[in-house]
Structure formats: C-alpha cells, structure tokens
Amino acid sequence: MKGILFLSATALASLLMTGCAGKSGNETLGRMEKSQIDSTIVKGKSTREDVKTLMGDPSKTDFDNNGLEKWSYVHVRKDLKAVNYIPVANWFVNGTNDTTKTLVVLFDDKGIVKNFISADAKGETKGGLFQ
C-alpha cells in the first residue's frame, strides 16, 4: 500500500510541475529551431509572401534607418520553477525560467529578403519576498 501511495504522489508531483508553462507570441517561431529558420529563409531569394507563409503575420512592422521594411517576430515561453510548488517557501522565492525567440527580417524595395537575424535567449523572472 505504501508503494502505491508513493507512486501516486510522485506521479501527481511530476504532472503538476510539467504542465505549467505560459506562452505568448508567434507559435510557429516557438516550435522552430534556429537552424530551421536559417536554412528556410534565403537572403536575396525569399519574398515577403514566403516569409508570411512560413511565419504568419509579424508581431511588429517598421522601417530601418535605410528605409528598408522590417518585420519582427517574437515568442516567449515561461516555465514555472519547482520552488513555486513548495508551500510557504514560495512566499519567499519563486519565479519562472524564460526562453525568448526573436526573428527580424529586412526586405528590399522589391519585397525580397535583404537580411535577417534569429536569436534564442534564456533568462529568468524572480519573485517573492527575497527578490
């Protein structure tokens, strides 16, 4: 009986800790690896339509200092830290482990990709009385 109780408690704890992630932004970007983006978008060849078909609508559109059209995509994933599930301790220390993916694409006046950059960044958000 103790074995079943222990197994049930372990399964419940695992389920609680793995199921809590907040996501925002472009889901396609969130699913893609940097290498996929770098091999799919081709400077001097890919068009606005190609990028829109691949990534969807940009999070932001703008012009750079040279007048080139700039599309930006962002995806953020926040995973709760394990300490968030510890009663009382989570009053003092809590937070999330964050992953931010970005993609910025520049188009020439004909709508062809002139340049682009993609990046992944890891960080954390801290909370609680001791933060």
Protein backbone atom coordinates (compact mmCIF):
# COMPACT_ATOMS: atom_id res chain seq x y z
CA MET A 1 0.00 0.00 0.00
CA LYS A 2 2.86 2.39 0.83
CA GLY A 3 4.38 1.73 -2.59
CA ILE A 4 1.16 2.66 -4.39
CA LEU A 5 0.78 5.82 -2.30
CA PHE A 6 4.38 6.85 -3.01
CA LEU A 7 3.98 6.14 -6.73
CA SER A 8 0.73 8.13 -6.87
CA ALA A 9 2.28 11.11 -5.07
CA THR A 10 5.32 11.05 -7.38
CA ALA A 11 3.13 10.89 -10.49
CA LEU A 12 0.97 13.78 -9.26
CA ALA A 13 4.01 15.94 -8.45
CA SER A 14 5.52 15.24 -11.88
CA LEU A 15 2.25 16.10 -13.59
CA LEU A 16 1.91 19.38 -11.71
CA MET A 17 5.46 20.51 -12.43
CA THR A 18 5.48 19.72 -16.14
CA GLY A 19 2.12 21.15 -17.11
CA CYS A 20 2.60 24.80 -16.22
CA ALA A 21 4.13 26.90 -18.95
CA GLY A 22 2.95 30.25 -20.21
CA LYS A 23 3.47 31.05 -23.89
CA SER A 24 2.96 34.23 -25.85
CA GLY A 25 3.75 35.49 -29.31
CA ASN A 26 4.24 33.65 -32.59
CA GLU A 27 3.64 29.91 -32.03
CA THR A 28 5.35 28.96 -35.30
CA LEU A 29 8.55 30.65 -34.15
CA GLY A 30 8.20 28.89 -30.79
CA ARG A 31 8.15 25.47 -32.49
CA MET A 32 11.05 26.15 -34.88
CA GLU A 33 14.73 25.69 -34.17
CA LYS A 34 17.16 28.48 -35.13
CA SER A 35 18.78 26.16 -37.69
CA GLN A 36 15.40 25.59 -39.40
CA ILE A 37 14.83 29.32 -39.78
CA ASP A 38 18.38 29.92 -41.01
CA SER A 39 18.02 27.22 -43.69
CA THR A 40 14.47 28.14 -44.78
CA ILE A 41 14.74 31.93 -45.23
CA VAL A 42 17.24 32.70 -48.00
CA LYS A 43 18.79 36.17 -48.44
CA GLY A 44 18.22 37.52 -51.94
CA LYS A 45 15.67 34.84 -52.78
CA SER A 46 12.84 34.54 -50.21
CA THR A 47 9.98 37.02 -50.61
CA ARG A 48 7.54 38.73 -48.25
CA GLU A 49 4.97 36.12 -49.25
CA ASP A 50 7.40 33.28 -48.48
CA VAL A 51 8.10 34.67 -45.01
CA LYS A 52 4.40 35.31 -44.33
CA THR A 53 3.52 31.77 -45.45
CA LEU A 54 6.23 30.32 -43.21
CA MET A 55 5.82 32.52 -40.11
CA GLY A 56 2.39 34.17 -40.38
CA ASP A 57 1.77 37.83 -39.63
CA PRO A 58 4.65 39.67 -37.94
CA SER A 59 4.37 40.90 -34.35
CA LYS A 60 5.64 44.30 -35.49
CA THR A 61 6.37 46.05 -38.80
CA ASP A 62 8.65 49.05 -39.13
CA PHE A 63 11.29 50.69 -41.32
CA ASP A 64 15.00 50.72 -40.53
CA ASN A 65 17.29 53.77 -40.88
CA ASN A 66 17.84 52.99 -44.58
CA GLY A 67 14.12 52.81 -45.34
CA LEU A 68 14.02 49.01 -45.57
CA GLU A 69 10.81 47.35 -44.41
CA LYS A 70 11.39 45.38 -41.20
CA TRP A 71 9.24 42.55 -39.85
CA SER A 72 9.73 41.32 -36.29
CA TYR A 73 8.54 38.08 -34.71
CA VAL A 74 8.74 37.17 -31.01
CA HIS A 75 7.86 34.09 -28.95
CA VAL A 76 8.22 33.85 -25.16
CA ARG A 77 7.86 30.70 -23.04
CA LYS A 78 7.79 30.91 -19.24
CA ASP A 79 8.18 27.69 -17.23
CA LEU A 80 7.39 27.81 -13.52
CA LYS A 81 10.28 26.94 -11.22
CA ALA A 82 9.86 23.89 -8.96
CA VAL A 83 10.07 26.07 -5.82
CA ASN A 84 6.72 27.61 -6.81
CA TYR A 85 5.06 24.34 -5.71
CA ILE A 86 6.59 24.25 -2.22
CA PRO A 87 4.14 25.71 0.31
CA VAL A 88 5.47 28.62 2.38
CA ALA A 89 8.86 28.56 0.58
CA ASN A 90 7.14 30.01 -2.49
CA TRP A 91 6.25 33.12 -0.47
CA PHE A 92 9.93 33.94 -0.22
CA VAL A 93 11.37 32.68 -3.53
CA ASN A 94 9.51 31.92 -6.76
CA GLY A 95 9.68 32.67 -10.46
CA THR A 96 9.98 31.34 -13.98
CA ASN A 97 12.65 30.16 -16.38
CA ASP A 98 12.13 32.12 -19.61
CA THR A 99 13.04 31.40 -23.21
CA THR A 100 12.66 34.21 -25.78
CA LYS A 101 12.98 33.60 -29.51
CA THR A 102 13.18 36.51 -31.95
CA LEU A 103 13.30 36.85 -35.72
CA VAL A 104 13.84 40.13 -37.58
CA VAL A 105 13.61 40.22 -41.39
CA LEU A 106 14.58 43.15 -43.66
CA PHE A 107 13.09 43.41 -47.16
CA ASP A 108 14.38 45.43 -50.10
CA ASP A 109 12.09 47.68 -52.16
CA LYS A 110 11.05 44.67 -54.31
CA GLY A 111 9.93 42.63 -51.31
CA ILE A 112 12.93 40.27 -51.34
CA VAL A 113 14.72 39.34 -48.10
CA LYS A 114 17.79 41.55 -47.86
CA ASN A 115 18.88 40.31 -44.43
CA PHE A 116 17.52 38.57 -41.34
CA ILE A 117 18.61 37.51 -37.88
CA SER A 118 17.18 34.96 -35.47
CA ALA A 119 18.15 34.50 -31.84
CA ASP A 120 17.29 32.47 -28.76
CA ALA A 121 17.79 33.90 -25.28
CA LYS A 122 17.37 32.31 -21.87
CA GLY A 123 16.60 34.23 -18.70
CA GLU A 124 14.52 34.14 -15.57
CA THR A 125 11.88 36.10 -13.74
CA LYS A 126 12.24 36.23 -9.96
CA GLY A 127 9.57 36.91 -7.37
CA GLY A 128 8.83 36.50 -3.70
CA LEU A 129 9.80 38.42 -0.57
CA PHE A 130 13.53 37.81 -1.01
CA GLN A 131 13.76 39.03 -4.60
